[in-house]
Amino acid sequence: MSLLKYILFISMLVILITSCEKDIEIELNTQPDRLVLYSFMYPDSALNIHFSKSQSILSVPNYKQIENGRFRLSINGLNQGTYIFPSDTIWSNWKEFVFRAGDTISIEAFERDGDTVKVETFLPNIIPITNTDTSSIFANISDGVKEQYLKARITFSDPADEANYYQLFLVREGWGQLAGDPYYTREVIEYKKEDPVFLQKDQGGSLLQGLDFQGLFSDQLINGYSYTITANIPADYLYFDYYENKIKISLYLYHHTEDYYSYFRTKIISAGYDGFYEGLPIFDPVRIHNNVSGGLGLVSGMSFDSDSIVLHK
């Protein structure tokens, strides 16, 4: 070994031996636990409530159960009483309460001798589907390549002089027999969202384009008008599998509150639906919409009308 190489080797060895580790202290912003309240109400549905406490970012469970929880419920200004939350679950079902479109609901939930959260919401009126028709089409998906779709057109009338928020939600169900037993399948349809209401300027809510908001839209472009919305359903959803002899395509037109619309959109933007943000070096954090005063969560009413397409083998 030459003298120069030997000196360089000794110098590097000394540096490695004498180098020290540097500890970096990270101060996490510790926040007190907050009450969490969720409930989504439909006409003629029972009351389901999630009530819990938030956890530290380092905690494995997402929620902490509450031992001494209570809630007060009012419907259209009439007090329905005070009730005890079960202590062994974070979701509870109350079949004694039934809601109707147009109802206003107030909930006050609290720990005994602890914090209190409040929220008020309403059940939007049902927006009827006035007509549904379908046709088979072929659309270009790349140069010279076409794909077959079932073009579904759903007509409804948007109420004038008010902001309305919707979701077009499609479900495929199949029935048949498997070894003499009933056979059933169900899946959400991922349809092509090329209608202008899905592409309006503020629909993304983010500088990043391409997020799928799962059929959410507002009446920004159709306020006060009768409108026919189009959904292109890939033909794969119309094929019978080996055990099926009946297929039903259900089309749901949900009428949401603004709170639910904002909550669902911010959830999708924050998560980067279907891994849309994967591989990006940085993006702005998104605050999830919350309508619970004094705590966290979302309580909202919603209504829907539906129509269906039935196919037999």
Protein backbone atom coordinates (compact mmCIF):
# COMPACT_ATOMS: atom_id res chain seq x y z
CA MET A 1 0.00 0.00 0.00
CA SER A 2 1.42 3.41 -0.96
CA LEU A 3 2.07 6.01 1.72
CA LEU A 4 -0.68 8.29 0.36
CA LYS A 5 -3.31 5.52 0.39
CA TYR A 6 -2.21 4.50 3.90
CA ILE A 7 -2.61 8.07 5.20
CA LEU A 8 -6.06 8.38 3.61
CA PHE A 9 -7.12 5.03 5.11
CA ILE A 10 -5.98 6.04 8.62
CA SER A 11 -7.70 9.42 8.30
CA MET A 12 -11.05 7.85 7.34
CA LEU A 13 -10.74 5.31 10.17
CA VAL A 14 -10.14 8.09 12.70
CA ILE A 15 -13.16 10.03 11.45
CA LEU A 16 -15.42 6.97 11.74
CA ILE A 17 -14.19 6.16 15.25
CA THR A 18 -14.41 9.70 16.61
CA SER A 19 -17.70 10.68 14.93
CA CYS A 20 -20.68 10.98 17.27
CA GLU A 21 -24.40 10.45 16.87
CA LYS A 22 -26.75 13.42 17.04
CA ASP A 23 -30.12 12.91 18.68
CA ILE A 24 -32.98 14.91 17.21
CA GLU A 25 -35.80 15.56 19.61
CA ILE A 26 -39.26 15.82 18.08
CA GLU A 27 -41.92 17.50 20.13
CA LEU A 28 -45.33 16.15 19.16
CA ASN A 29 -48.23 18.56 19.55
CA THR A 30 -50.12 16.72 22.24
CA GLN A 31 -53.81 17.54 22.18
CA PRO A 32 -56.38 16.50 24.77
CA ASP A 33 -58.79 13.74 23.80
CA ARG A 34 -61.93 15.08 22.14
CA LEU A 35 -65.39 13.60 21.92
CA VAL A 36 -66.22 12.07 18.52
CA LEU A 37 -69.79 11.82 17.22
CA TYR A 38 -71.03 10.29 13.95
CA SER A 39 -74.53 9.57 12.71
CA PHE A 40 -76.12 9.33 9.24
CA MET A 41 -79.91 9.31 9.15
CA TYR A 42 -82.34 8.32 6.39
CA PRO A 43 -86.13 8.60 6.19
CA ASP A 44 -87.73 5.63 7.98
CA SER A 45 -84.36 4.51 9.35
CA ALA A 46 -83.42 3.83 12.96
CA LEU A 47 -80.95 6.07 14.76
CA ASN A 48 -77.36 4.78 14.71
CA ILE A 49 -74.79 6.76 16.68
CA HIS A 50 -71.02 6.47 17.00
CA PHE A 51 -69.79 8.08 20.24
CA SER A 52 -66.18 7.83 21.39
CA LYS A 53 -63.04 9.79 22.24
CA SER A 54 -60.19 10.62 19.92
CA GLN A 55 -56.79 9.04 20.51
CA SER A 56 -53.18 10.17 20.32
CA ILE A 57 -51.49 9.93 16.92
CA LEU A 58 -49.21 7.27 18.44
CA SER A 59 -52.12 5.14 19.64
CA VAL A 60 -52.93 1.89 17.82
CA PRO A 61 -56.75 2.06 18.24
CA ASN A 62 -58.46 4.89 16.39
CA TYR A 63 -61.04 5.52 19.12
CA LYS A 64 -61.47 5.08 22.84
CA GLN A 65 -64.74 3.87 24.34
CA ILE A 66 -66.66 6.12 26.71
CA GLU A 67 -67.82 4.58 29.97
CA ASN A 68 -70.45 7.11 31.07
CA GLY A 69 -71.93 8.56 27.89
CA ARG A 70 -75.33 10.18 27.54
CA PHE A 71 -77.22 11.91 24.75
CA ARG A 72 -80.28 14.11 24.39
CA LEU A 73 -82.28 14.01 21.17
CA SER A 74 -84.73 16.57 19.78
CA ILE A 75 -86.78 16.12 16.59
CA ASN A 76 -88.36 19.24 15.13
CA GLY A 77 -87.79 21.04 18.43
CA LEU A 78 -89.47 18.37 20.56
CA ASN A 79 -87.26 16.83 23.26
CA GLN A 80 -87.24 13.02 22.98
CA GLY A 81 -85.45 12.48 26.30
CA THR A 82 -81.97 11.64 27.59
CA TYR A 83 -80.46 8.18 27.01
CA ILE A 84 -77.42 6.20 28.15
CA PHE A 85 -74.88 5.01 25.60
CA PRO A 86 -73.87 1.34 25.95
CA SER A 87 -70.39 1.19 27.47
CA ASP A 88 -69.23 -1.89 25.53
CA THR A 89 -69.38 -0.45 22.01
CA ILE A 90 -68.73 2.73 20.06
CA TRP A 91 -71.85 2.25 17.85
CA SER A 92 -75.37 1.99 19.21
CA ASN A 93 -78.73 1.47 17.51
CA TRP A 94 -82.00 3.07 18.65
CA LYS A 95 -84.96 1.60 16.79
CA GLU A 96 -87.49 3.65 18.77
CA PHE A 97 -86.61 6.75 16.74
CA VAL A 98 -87.78 7.00 13.13
CA PHE A 99 -87.12 9.99 10.88
CA ARG A 100 -88.95 11.55 7.95
CA ALA A 101 -87.75 13.77 5.13
CA GLY A 102 -87.78 17.39 6.26
CA ASP A 103 -87.12 16.60 9.94
CA THR A 104 -84.69 18.75 11.92
CA ILE A 105 -82.61 16.79 14.44
CA SER A 106 -80.56 18.09 17.37
CA ILE A 107 -78.22 15.88 19.40
CA GLU A 108 -76.32 16.78 22.56
CA ALA A 109 -73.90 14.09 23.68
CA PHE A 110 -71.75 14.20 26.79
CA GLU A 111 -69.73 12.32 29.35
CA ARG A 112 -71.25 12.35 32.79
CA ASP A 113 -69.30 15.06 34.62
CA GLY A 114 -67.29 15.64 31.43
CA ASP A 115 -67.25 17.30 28.03
CA THR A 116 -70.30 18.01 25.86
CA VAL A 117 -70.74 18.17 22.07
CA LYS A 118 -73.72 19.50 20.13
CA VAL A 119 -74.90 19.25 16.55
CA GLU A 120 -77.98 20.07 14.49
CA THR A 121 -78.87 18.72 11.08
CA PHE A 122 -81.88 17.92 8.90
CA LEU A 123 -83.12 15.31 6.46
CA PRO A 124 -83.34 16.80 2.97
CA ASN A 125 -86.51 16.15 1.00
CA ILE A 126 -86.52 13.26 -1.46
CA ILE A 127 -85.82 14.37 -5.03
CA PRO A 128 -87.82 11.96 -7.24
CA ILE A 129 -86.35 10.30 -10.30
CA THR A 130 -88.93 11.21 -12.95
CA ASN A 131 -87.57 9.09 -15.78
CA THR A 132 -84.88 6.49 -16.51
CA ASP A 133 -83.88 5.16 -19.90
CA THR A 134 -80.91 3.26 -21.28
CA SER A 135 -79.12 2.57 -24.55
CA SER A 136 -76.06 0.62 -25.64
CA ILE A 137 -73.10 2.69 -26.88
CA PHE A 138 -69.47 2.21 -27.92
CA ALA A 139 -66.88 4.73 -26.74
CA ASN A 140 -63.24 5.22 -27.73
CA ILE A 141 -60.82 4.37 -24.92
CA SER A 142 -57.67 4.63 -27.06
CA ASP A 143 -56.67 4.87 -30.71
CA GLY A 144 -58.82 2.43 -32.61
CA VAL A 145 -60.02 0.68 -29.45
CA LYS A 146 -63.66 0.92 -28.41
CA GLU A 147 -65.45 -0.32 -25.33
CA GLN A 148 -69.14 -1.07 -24.91
CA TYR A 149 -71.22 0.73 -22.25
CA LEU A 150 -74.79 0.86 -21.08
CA LYS A 151 -75.68 4.55 -21.18
CA ALA A 152 -78.14 5.27 -18.35
CA ARG A 153 -79.99 8.60 -18.31
CA ILE A 154 -81.69 9.66 -15.06
CA THR A 155 -84.02 12.67 -15.04
CA PHE A 156 -84.91 14.71 -11.95
CA SER A 157 -86.01 18.27 -11.10
CA ASP A 158 -83.73 20.40 -8.94
CA PRO A 159 -85.59 22.70 -6.49
CA ALA A 160 -85.10 26.39 -7.26
CA ASP A 161 -83.78 29.13 -4.96
CA GLU A 162 -81.74 26.81 -2.75
CA ALA A 163 -78.39 25.05 -2.86
CA ASN A 164 -78.71 21.29 -3.28
CA TYR A 165 -76.14 18.52 -3.09
CA TYR A 166 -76.44 15.10 -4.70
CA GLN A 167 -74.77 11.76 -5.27
CA LEU A 168 -75.50 9.30 -8.06
CA PHE A 169 -74.72 5.87 -6.66
CA LEU A 170 -75.03 2.64 -8.68
CA VAL A 171 -75.11 -0.93 -7.35
CA ARG A 172 -75.09 -4.29 -9.15
CA GLU A 173 -76.76 -7.32 -7.54
CA GLY A 174 -76.94 -10.88 -8.83
CA TRP A 175 -79.05 -13.89 -7.82
CA GLY A 176 -78.87 -17.58 -8.68
CA GLN A 177 -78.22 -21.06 -7.34
CA LEU A 178 -74.98 -22.68 -6.17
CA ALA A 179 -75.17 -26.40 -5.36
CA GLY A 180 -78.86 -26.01 -4.55
CA ASP A 181 -78.29 -23.03 -2.21
CA PRO A 182 -79.25 -19.42 -2.92
CA TYR A 183 -76.40 -17.45 -4.54
CA TYR A 184 -76.10 -13.66 -4.15
CA THR A 185 -73.52 -11.05 -5.12
CA ARG A 186 -73.41 -7.30 -4.62
CA GLU A 187 -70.91 -4.68 -5.77
CA VAL A 188 -70.72 -0.93 -6.25
CA ILE A 189 -70.56 0.03 -9.94
CA GLU A 190 -67.60 2.16 -11.02
CA TYR A 191 -69.25 4.04 -13.87
CA LYS A 192 -67.80 6.68 -16.20
CA LYS A 193 -68.42 10.15 -14.74
CA GLU A 194 -68.30 12.29 -17.85
CA ASP A 195 -71.49 14.28 -17.29
CA PRO A 196 -70.84 18.06 -16.92
CA VAL A 197 -72.14 18.09 -13.32
CA PHE A 198 -69.22 15.86 -12.29
CA LEU A 199 -66.68 18.09 -14.05
CA GLN A 200 -67.75 21.55 -12.89
CA LYS A 201 -64.98 23.93 -11.90
CA ASP A 202 -65.14 23.63 -8.10
CA GLN A 203 -65.85 19.90 -8.00
CA GLY A 204 -62.26 18.89 -7.36
CA GLY A 205 -61.64 21.20 -4.42
CA SER A 206 -57.93 20.61 -5.03
CA LEU A 207 -55.25 21.65 -7.47
CA LEU A 208 -54.74 17.97 -8.26
CA GLN A 209 -57.09 16.69 -10.93
CA GLY A 210 -58.39 13.17 -11.50
CA LEU A 211 -59.88 12.32 -8.11
CA ASP A 212 -63.06 10.24 -8.21
CA PHE A 213 -65.67 11.82 -5.93
CA GLN A 214 -67.90 8.74 -6.23
CA GLY A 215 -70.81 10.49 -7.91
CA LEU A 216 -71.03 13.61 -5.72
CA PHE A 217 -72.20 16.81 -7.42
CA SER A 218 -73.93 20.08 -6.61
CA ASP A 219 -76.67 21.95 -8.46
CA GLN A 220 -74.30 24.75 -9.49
CA LEU A 221 -75.02 24.13 -13.20
CA ILE A 222 -78.66 23.03 -12.93
CA ASN A 223 -80.21 25.17 -10.18
CA GLY A 224 -83.99 25.14 -10.53
CA TYR A 225 -84.12 23.07 -13.71
CA SER A 226 -85.15 19.59 -14.75
CA TYR A 227 -81.97 17.76 -15.65
CA THR A 228 -81.01 14.43 -17.19
CA ILE A 229 -77.76 13.10 -15.82
CA THR A 230 -75.81 10.46 -17.74
CA ALA A 231 -73.86 7.50 -16.34
CA ASN A 232 -71.96 5.15 -18.65
CA ILE A 233 -71.87 1.66 -17.13
CA PRO A 234 -69.15 -0.70 -18.45
CA ALA A 235 -70.66 -3.74 -20.17
CA ASP A 236 -68.77 -6.08 -17.80
CA TYR A 237 -71.38 -5.34 -15.13
CA LEU A 238 -74.12 -6.71 -17.42
CA TYR A 239 -72.64 -10.16 -17.96
CA PHE A 240 -74.02 -13.08 -15.96
CA ASP A 241 -71.53 -15.15 -14.03
CA TYR A 242 -71.86 -18.94 -14.05
CA TYR A 243 -74.26 -19.16 -11.08
CA GLU A 244 -76.43 -16.12 -11.78
CA ASN A 245 -79.79 -16.08 -13.51
CA LYS A 246 -80.87 -12.54 -12.54
CA ILE A 247 -79.05 -9.19 -12.43
CA LYS A 248 -80.38 -5.96 -10.97
CA ILE A 249 -78.74 -2.57 -11.57
CA SER A 250 -80.00 -0.09 -8.95
CA LEU A 251 -79.62 3.66 -9.49
CA TYR A 252 -79.76 5.77 -6.33
CA LEU A 253 -80.11 9.55 -6.42
CA TYR A 254 -79.06 10.76 -2.96
CA HIS A 255 -79.99 14.22 -1.71
CA HIS A 256 -77.33 15.31 0.81
CA THR A 257 -76.82 18.18 3.21
CA GLU A 258 -73.99 20.60 2.50
CA ASP A 259 -72.21 19.26 5.59
CA TYR A 260 -72.15 15.69 4.25
CA TYR A 261 -71.13 16.88 0.77
CA SER A 262 -68.20 18.86 2.23
CA TYR A 263 -67.22 16.06 4.60
CA PHE A 264 -67.16 13.35 1.92
CA ARG A 265 -65.23 15.50 -0.56
CA THR A 266 -62.58 16.50 1.97
CA LYS A 267 -62.21 12.87 3.06
CA ILE A 268 -61.51 11.83 -0.53
CA ILE A 269 -59.12 14.73 -1.17
CA SER A 270 -57.25 14.05 2.08
CA ALA A 271 -56.84 10.33 1.43
CA GLY A 272 -56.04 10.71 -2.26
CA TYR A 273 -58.75 8.34 -3.40
CA ASP A 274 -57.40 5.04 -4.76
CA GLY A 275 -53.81 6.06 -4.06
CA PHE A 276 -53.88 9.11 -6.31
CA TYR A 277 -51.23 10.85 -4.17
CA GLU A 278 -48.93 7.83 -4.12
CA GLY A 279 -45.41 8.76 -5.18
CA LEU A 280 -45.93 12.51 -4.89
CA PRO A 281 -43.22 14.17 -2.78
CA ILE A 282 -45.52 16.61 -0.97
CA PHE A 283 -49.07 17.89 -0.95
CA ASP A 284 -51.03 20.29 1.21
CA PRO A 285 -52.84 18.73 4.18
CA VAL A 286 -56.63 18.90 4.07
CA ARG A 287 -58.85 19.60 7.06
CA ILE A 288 -61.74 17.12 7.19
CA HIS A 289 -65.06 18.94 7.37
CA ASN A 290 -66.65 18.72 10.82
CA ASN A 291 -70.07 19.95 12.00
CA VAL A 292 -69.90 18.80 15.63
CA SER A 293 -69.59 21.78 17.99
CA GLY A 294 -67.08 21.15 20.76
CA GLY A 295 -65.76 17.91 19.28
CA LEU A 296 -65.11 15.97 16.09
CA GLY A 297 -67.23 14.09 13.58
CA LEU A 298 -70.16 14.46 11.26
CA VAL A 299 -73.90 14.12 11.86
CA SER A 300 -76.08 14.45 8.79
CA GLY A 301 -79.41 13.48 7.34
CA MET A 302 -79.85 12.30 3.77
CA SER A 303 -82.62 11.00 1.54
CA PHE A 304 -82.78 9.15 -1.76
CA ASP A 305 -84.96 7.93 -4.58
CA SER A 306 -84.09 4.92 -6.70
CA ASP A 307 -84.88 3.11 -9.92
CA SER A 308 -83.60 -0.18 -11.27
CA ILE A 309 -82.82 -2.18 -14.38
CA VAL A 310 -83.48 -5.95 -14.16
CA LEU A 311 -81.93 -8.53 -16.51
CA HIS A 312 -82.81 -12.22 -16.71
CA LYS A 313 -80.65 -14.95 -18.22
